[in-house]
Protein backbone atom coordinates (compact mmCIF):
# COMPACT_ATOMS: atom_id res chain seq x y z
CA MET A 1 0.00 0.00 0.00
CA ASN A 2 1.31 3.44 -0.95
CA PHE A 3 0.84 5.95 1.89
CA ALA A 4 2.15 8.99 0.03
CA PRO A 5 -0.15 12.05 0.02
CA LEU A 6 -2.96 11.64 -2.50
CA PRO A 7 -2.84 14.03 -5.49
CA VAL A 8 -6.60 14.63 -5.48
CA THR A 9 -9.29 14.85 -2.82
CA LEU A 10 -12.58 12.99 -2.73
CA ARG A 11 -14.43 16.26 -3.11
CA GLN A 12 -12.47 17.02 -6.28
CA LEU A 13 -13.43 13.60 -7.63
CA GLN A 14 -17.08 14.39 -6.89
CA TYR A 15 -16.77 17.65 -8.80
CA LEU A 16 -15.21 15.88 -11.79
CA VAL A 17 -17.94 13.22 -11.85
CA ALA A 18 -20.64 15.89 -11.48
CA VAL A 19 -19.34 17.79 -14.53
CA ALA A 20 -19.25 14.56 -16.52
CA ASP A 21 -22.83 13.74 -15.51
CA LYS A 22 -24.31 17.22 -15.94
CA LYS A 23 -22.19 18.16 -18.99
CA SER A 24 -22.05 21.65 -17.54
CA PHE A 25 -19.87 23.38 -14.95
CA ARG A 26 -22.81 25.52 -13.82
CA LYS A 27 -25.18 22.57 -13.34
CA ALA A 28 -22.43 20.57 -11.64
CA ALA A 29 -21.81 23.43 -9.19
CA GLU A 30 -25.53 23.60 -8.43
CA ALA A 31 -25.69 19.85 -7.84
CA CYS A 32 -22.68 20.02 -5.51
CA HIS A 33 -24.01 23.13 -3.73
CA VAL A 34 -20.89 25.23 -4.39
CA SER A 35 -20.19 28.30 -6.48
CA GLN A 36 -19.10 27.73 -10.06
CA PRO A 37 -15.73 29.53 -9.56
CA SER A 38 -14.93 27.27 -6.59
CA LEU A 39 -15.80 24.15 -8.56
CA SER A 40 -13.80 25.29 -11.60
CA GLU A 41 -10.79 26.08 -9.40
CA GLN A 42 -10.83 22.66 -7.76
CA ILE A 43 -11.16 20.90 -11.11
CA ALA A 44 -8.20 22.88 -12.45
CA LEU A 45 -6.15 21.87 -9.39
CA ALA A 46 -7.12 18.20 -9.85
CA GLU A 47 -6.20 18.27 -13.56
CA ALA A 48 -2.84 19.88 -12.68
CA SER A 49 -2.14 17.27 -10.01
CA LEU A 50 -3.04 14.41 -12.34
CA GLY A 51 -1.17 15.95 -15.25
CA ALA A 52 -4.09 15.47 -17.64
CA LYS A 53 -6.82 17.71 -19.00
CA LEU A 54 -10.11 15.90 -18.42
CA PHE A 55 -12.66 18.22 -20.05
CA GLU A 56 -12.88 20.46 -23.06
CA ARG A 57 -15.49 23.15 -23.61
CA SER A 58 -17.16 24.01 -26.87
CA GLN A 59 -20.32 25.76 -28.06
CA ARG A 60 -22.10 22.42 -27.62
CA GLY A 61 -21.13 22.26 -23.94
CA VAL A 62 -18.62 20.26 -21.91
CA ALA A 63 -17.27 16.88 -23.02
CA PRO A 64 -14.61 14.58 -21.56
CA THR A 65 -11.26 14.44 -23.34
CA ALA A 66 -9.71 11.09 -24.22
CA ALA A 67 -8.03 11.14 -20.80
CA GLY A 68 -11.35 11.98 -19.16
CA GLN A 69 -13.13 9.11 -20.87
CA THR A 70 -10.46 6.75 -19.53
CA LEU A 71 -10.16 8.11 -15.98
CA LEU A 72 -13.71 9.19 -15.11
CA PRO A 73 -15.16 5.64 -14.72
CA ALA A 74 -12.53 4.91 -12.06
CA MET A 75 -13.32 8.21 -10.33
CA ARG A 76 -17.02 7.39 -10.36
CA ALA A 77 -16.30 3.95 -8.89
CA ILE A 78 -14.21 5.50 -6.10
CA CYS A 79 -17.04 7.88 -5.17
CA HIS A 80 -19.53 4.99 -5.07
CA GLN A 81 -17.14 2.92 -2.95
CA VAL A 82 -16.78 5.73 -0.44
CA PHE A 83 -20.56 6.04 -0.14
CA ASP A 84 -20.73 2.25 0.22
CA LEU A 85 -18.15 2.53 3.00
CA VAL A 86 -20.25 5.14 4.81
CA ASP A 87 -23.41 3.09 4.35
CA ALA A 88 -21.65 -0.05 5.56
CA ALA A 89 -20.40 1.77 8.66
CA GLN A 90 -23.90 3.04 9.40
CA HIS A 91 -25.41 -0.39 8.87
CA PHE A 92 -22.72 -1.94 11.06
CA ALA A 93 -23.84 0.30 13.91
CA ASP A 94 -27.51 -0.39 13.09
CA PRO A 95 -28.24 -2.77 10.18
CA PHE A 96 -31.70 -1.28 9.76
CA ALA A 97 -30.79 2.41 9.60
CA GLY A 98 -29.52 4.49 6.70
CA ARG A 99 -30.50 4.12 3.05
CA LEU A 100 -31.03 1.32 0.57
CA ARG A 101 -30.98 1.99 -3.18
CA VAL A 102 -33.19 -0.65 -4.80
CA GLY A 103 -34.03 -1.12 -8.48
CA ALA A 104 -37.07 -2.91 -9.90
CA ILE A 105 -37.99 -3.94 -13.45
CA PRO A 106 -40.95 -2.20 -15.18
CA THR A 107 -43.08 -5.36 -15.20
CA VAL A 108 -42.82 -5.52 -11.39
CA ALA A 109 -42.44 -1.98 -10.03
CA PRO A 110 -45.94 -0.55 -10.70
CA TYR A 111 -47.72 -3.68 -9.50
CA LEU A 112 -45.71 -4.71 -6.45
CA LEU A 113 -44.14 -1.56 -4.99
CA PRO A 114 -47.42 0.20 -4.07
CA ALA A 115 -48.18 -2.73 -1.76
CA LEU A 116 -44.66 -3.40 -0.49
CA ALA A 117 -43.24 0.10 -0.04
CA PRO A 118 -45.57 1.08 2.86
CA LEU A 119 -44.88 -2.27 4.55
CA LEU A 120 -41.12 -1.72 4.30
CA ARG A 121 -41.43 1.78 5.74
CA ALA A 122 -43.47 0.45 8.65
CA THR A 123 -41.21 -2.56 9.29
CA TYR A 124 -37.93 -0.65 8.94
CA PRO A 125 -38.75 2.94 10.00
CA LYS A 126 -35.08 4.01 10.13
CA LEU A 127 -34.29 2.68 6.64
CA SER A 128 -34.78 5.00 3.69
CA PHE A 129 -35.64 3.08 0.49
CA LEU A 130 -34.68 4.84 -2.74
CA TRP A 131 -36.38 3.12 -5.70
CA ALA A 132 -35.33 3.09 -9.37
CA GLU A 133 -37.20 1.50 -12.29
CA GLU A 134 -35.17 0.18 -15.23
CA LYS A 135 -34.89 -2.82 -17.55
CA THR A 136 -33.03 -5.86 -16.22
CA HIS A 137 -29.70 -5.33 -17.97
CA VAL A 138 -29.56 -1.70 -16.82
CA LEU A 139 -30.34 -2.65 -13.21
CA VAL A 140 -27.72 -5.40 -13.14
CA ASP A 141 -25.12 -3.06 -14.62
CA ARG A 142 -25.93 -0.35 -12.06
CA LEU A 143 -25.80 -2.94 -9.28
CA ARG A 144 -22.35 -4.13 -10.34
CA ARG A 145 -21.10 -0.53 -10.60
CA GLY A 146 -22.27 0.17 -7.06
CA GLU A 147 -25.04 2.60 -8.01
CA LEU A 148 -27.67 0.29 -6.52
CA ASP A 149 -27.59 -1.87 -3.41
CA ALA A 150 -30.15 -4.43 -4.56
CA VAL A 151 -32.49 -5.20 -7.46
CA LEU A 152 -35.93 -6.76 -7.67
CA LEU A 153 -36.24 -8.81 -10.87
CA ALA A 154 -36.97 -12.16 -12.52
CA ILE A 155 -34.00 -14.48 -12.14
CA GLU A 156 -34.74 -16.34 -15.39
CA ALA A 157 -32.94 -13.44 -17.09
CA ASP A 158 -29.18 -13.50 -17.59
CA ILE A 159 -28.13 -11.81 -14.34
CA GLY A 160 -24.93 -13.70 -13.52
CA GLU A 161 -23.93 -14.71 -10.01
CA LEU A 162 -25.88 -12.67 -7.47
CA SER A 163 -26.92 -13.35 -3.89
CA GLN A 164 -30.69 -13.51 -3.63
CA VAL A 165 -33.84 -14.15 -1.66
CA VAL A 166 -36.55 -15.67 -3.84
CA LEU A 167 -39.95 -14.05 -3.33
CA GLY A 168 -41.92 -16.61 -5.30
CA LYS A 169 -43.37 -17.54 -8.68
CA ASP A 170 -45.43 -15.22 -10.86
CA ALA A 171 -47.44 -17.30 -13.31
CA PHE A 172 -48.28 -16.03 -16.80
CA VAL A 173 -51.90 -15.86 -17.99
CA LEU A 174 -53.47 -15.65 -21.42
CA ALA A 175 -55.22 -12.34 -22.17
CA THR A 176 -57.54 -11.68 -25.10
CA SER A 177 -60.23 -9.21 -26.04
CA ALA A 178 -63.70 -10.04 -24.75
CA ASP A 179 -64.95 -11.10 -28.22
CA HIS A 180 -61.89 -13.08 -29.29
CA PRO A 181 -62.41 -16.76 -30.24
CA LEU A 182 -60.13 -17.81 -27.35
CA ALA A 183 -62.37 -15.91 -24.92
CA LYS A 184 -65.25 -18.35 -25.37
CA SER A 185 -63.78 -20.97 -23.04
CA ASP A 186 -63.48 -20.70 -19.27
CA ARG A 187 -61.14 -23.68 -19.02
CA PRO A 188 -57.40 -23.27 -18.36
CA ALA A 189 -55.65 -22.40 -21.60
CA LYS A 190 -53.27 -24.69 -23.46
CA LEU A 191 -50.29 -23.44 -25.42
CA SER A 192 -51.54 -25.24 -28.53
CA GLU A 193 -54.62 -22.95 -28.58
CA LEU A 194 -52.39 -20.00 -29.50
CA ASP A 195 -51.40 -21.56 -32.81
CA GLY A 196 -52.64 -19.33 -35.62
CA PHE A 197 -53.19 -16.26 -33.47
CA PRO A 198 -50.61 -13.42 -33.46
CA VAL A 199 -49.16 -12.81 -29.99
CA LEU A 200 -48.39 -9.26 -28.88
CA LEU A 201 -45.09 -8.87 -27.02
CA LEU A 202 -43.03 -6.21 -25.30
CA ASP A 203 -40.16 -4.56 -27.16
CA GLU A 204 -36.56 -5.76 -27.15
CA GLY A 205 -34.71 -5.31 -23.87
CA HIS A 206 -37.53 -6.50 -21.62
CA CYS A 207 -36.74 -9.83 -19.96
CA PHE A 208 -40.48 -10.61 -19.90
CA ARG A 209 -40.43 -10.61 -23.71
CA ARG A 210 -37.70 -13.27 -23.80
CA GLN A 211 -39.48 -15.36 -21.18
CA VAL A 212 -42.74 -15.34 -23.16
CA LEU A 213 -40.92 -16.04 -26.42
CA SER A 214 -39.17 -19.07 -24.97
CA PHE A 215 -42.58 -20.44 -23.96
CA CYS A 216 -44.36 -19.67 -27.23
CA GLU A 217 -41.59 -20.95 -29.49
CA ARG A 218 -42.40 -24.49 -28.41
CA VAL A 219 -45.30 -24.54 -30.87
CA GLY A 220 -44.10 -21.90 -33.32
CA VAL A 221 -46.53 -19.19 -32.24
CA GLU A 222 -46.42 -16.13 -34.50
CA GLU A 223 -45.42 -12.77 -33.04
CA ALA A 224 -47.64 -9.82 -33.94
CA GLY A 225 -46.08 -6.93 -35.86
CA PHE A 226 -46.58 -4.44 -33.03
CA ARG A 227 -44.20 -4.30 -30.07
CA SER A 228 -44.99 -2.33 -26.94
CA THR A 229 -42.73 -0.55 -24.48
CA SER A 230 -45.11 -1.19 -21.58
CA LEU A 231 -47.67 -3.71 -20.37
CA ALA A 232 -50.28 -0.94 -20.28
CA THR A 233 -50.03 -0.41 -24.06
CA LEU A 234 -49.90 -4.15 -24.63
CA VAL A 235 -53.20 -4.49 -22.78
CA GLN A 236 -54.85 -1.69 -24.76
CA MET A 237 -53.78 -3.23 -28.08
CA THR A 238 -55.03 -6.64 -26.96
CA ALA A 239 -58.37 -5.24 -25.79
CA GLY A 240 -58.71 -3.58 -29.19
CA GLY A 241 -58.35 -6.92 -30.98
CA ALA A 242 -54.82 -6.54 -32.37
CA GLY A 243 -53.85 -9.97 -31.06
CA VAL A 244 -53.56 -12.01 -27.89
CA THR A 245 -50.89 -11.66 -25.23
CA LEU A 246 -49.46 -13.19 -22.10
CA LEU A 247 -49.36 -11.18 -18.88
CA PRO A 248 -47.71 -11.81 -15.53
CA SER A 249 -50.41 -12.55 -12.95
CA LEU A 250 -48.98 -9.76 -10.81
CA SER A 251 -50.14 -7.16 -13.34
CA VAL A 252 -53.70 -8.36 -13.98
CA ALA A 253 -55.50 -6.57 -11.11
CA VAL A 254 -54.11 -3.22 -12.30
CA GLU A 255 -54.09 -3.66 -16.06
CA ASN A 256 -57.51 -5.30 -16.29
CA ARG A 257 -59.20 -3.14 -13.66
CA VAL A 258 -61.90 -2.03 -16.13
CA GLY A 259 -62.53 -5.60 -17.30
CA SER A 260 -61.63 -5.03 -20.96
CA LEU A 261 -59.79 -8.36 -21.21
CA LYS A 262 -60.74 -12.01 -20.91
CA VAL A 263 -58.04 -13.59 -18.75
CA ARG A 264 -57.45 -17.35 -18.59
CA PRO A 265 -54.81 -19.13 -16.52
CA PHE A 266 -52.79 -21.80 -18.27
CA ALA A 267 -53.16 -25.49 -17.61
CA PRO A 268 -50.75 -27.20 -15.16
CA LYS A 269 -47.04 -26.49 -15.76
CA ALA A 270 -48.03 -22.96 -16.67
CA PRO A 271 -45.23 -20.63 -17.72
CA ALA A 272 -43.98 -18.45 -14.89
CA ARG A 273 -41.12 -16.27 -13.77
CA THR A 274 -39.31 -16.31 -10.44
CA LEU A 275 -39.08 -12.98 -8.63
CA ALA A 276 -36.19 -12.33 -6.28
CA LEU A 277 -34.36 -9.59 -4.43
CA CYS A 278 -30.72 -9.77 -5.55
CA TRP A 279 -27.48 -8.10 -4.47
CA ARG A 280 -23.74 -8.30 -5.08
CA PRO A 281 -22.04 -11.35 -3.53
CA GLY A 282 -20.07 -10.24 -0.50
CA SER A 283 -21.99 -6.97 -0.17
CA ALA A 284 -21.41 -5.18 3.13
CA LEU A 285 -25.19 -4.74 3.30
CA ALA A 286 -25.97 -8.47 3.22
CA ALA A 287 -26.96 -8.44 6.90
CA THR A 288 -29.62 -5.87 6.00
CA LEU A 289 -30.70 -7.21 2.62
CA GLU A 290 -31.30 -10.80 3.75
CA PRO A 291 -33.98 -9.83 6.35
CA VAL A 292 -35.47 -7.26 3.97
CA GLY A 293 -35.71 -9.98 1.33
CA GLN A 294 -37.45 -12.31 3.76
CA THR A 295 -39.93 -9.55 4.63
CA LEU A 296 -40.63 -9.06 0.92
CA ARG A 297 -41.02 -12.80 0.45
CA LYS A 298 -43.65 -13.12 3.19
CA ALA A 299 -45.53 -10.09 1.89
CA TYR A 300 -45.44 -11.32 -1.70
CA LEU A 301 -46.70 -14.79 -0.81
CA ALA A 302 -49.51 -13.26 1.23
CA LEU A 303 -50.38 -11.00 -1.71
CA VAL A 304 -50.50 -13.71 -4.38
CA ASN A 305 -52.30 -16.19 -2.12
CA GLY A 306 -55.01 -13.71 -1.32
């Protein structure tokens, strides 16, 4: 370990990262709650100490130089690690105090968080939960970079090695318009019934799309030409007769609240996804996240079992 004086301070690193994020010295100064001259002076000192110019200004704004593009990711990681250190110290003193930054995928967040967030606040009154909604690959990337402490997602997606508490299964159901031929039966649906009917799916990047595709490809089901960015639009298109779709059971109460769809569960061995709270292996917050995950698990099972 080198114990020589460090050439830059943590505050200077924060200023550099803020300029990179905001693409403006003025906005960075506002975000850091300092005057712009003070921020500019500290950045100049940091660049001089490092021996590299990290930003260049133009009429289009501020952009990292080649050196900035190389060095700024490491600076960002250092800032995150310091905040992780502070959080870990706080959680060491009291595992259920401080903040938790948790991400959730779009096919879970609007349907599960309204029920779980108040429970978490009541169960852990000294914990502040900061929620973010993103697609799976974005959440996993942010988790690995230290921008999130945990993520709530379906583990059938390619998420790599993560510690986790499984909440439970979320079965898929068949949804059609009220006058669709497949709406005539009240029996559990079979995959073979979908043959010949276009299936509406979410757009690329949603793990739910890949999960439904892997199920439908068993019988060569045809995908409809329209792709949606949200389940809400998917439901509207289905209700309008543009095709049939599969929905996670978790979403049905919200998305079919006006009764515009005919919803049928699938026969035994129905397709499903597995929801879990996941975090980085070896995370300093594991002693907090494990109990939080168990609380979520109990609440989820109570929710889906009525």
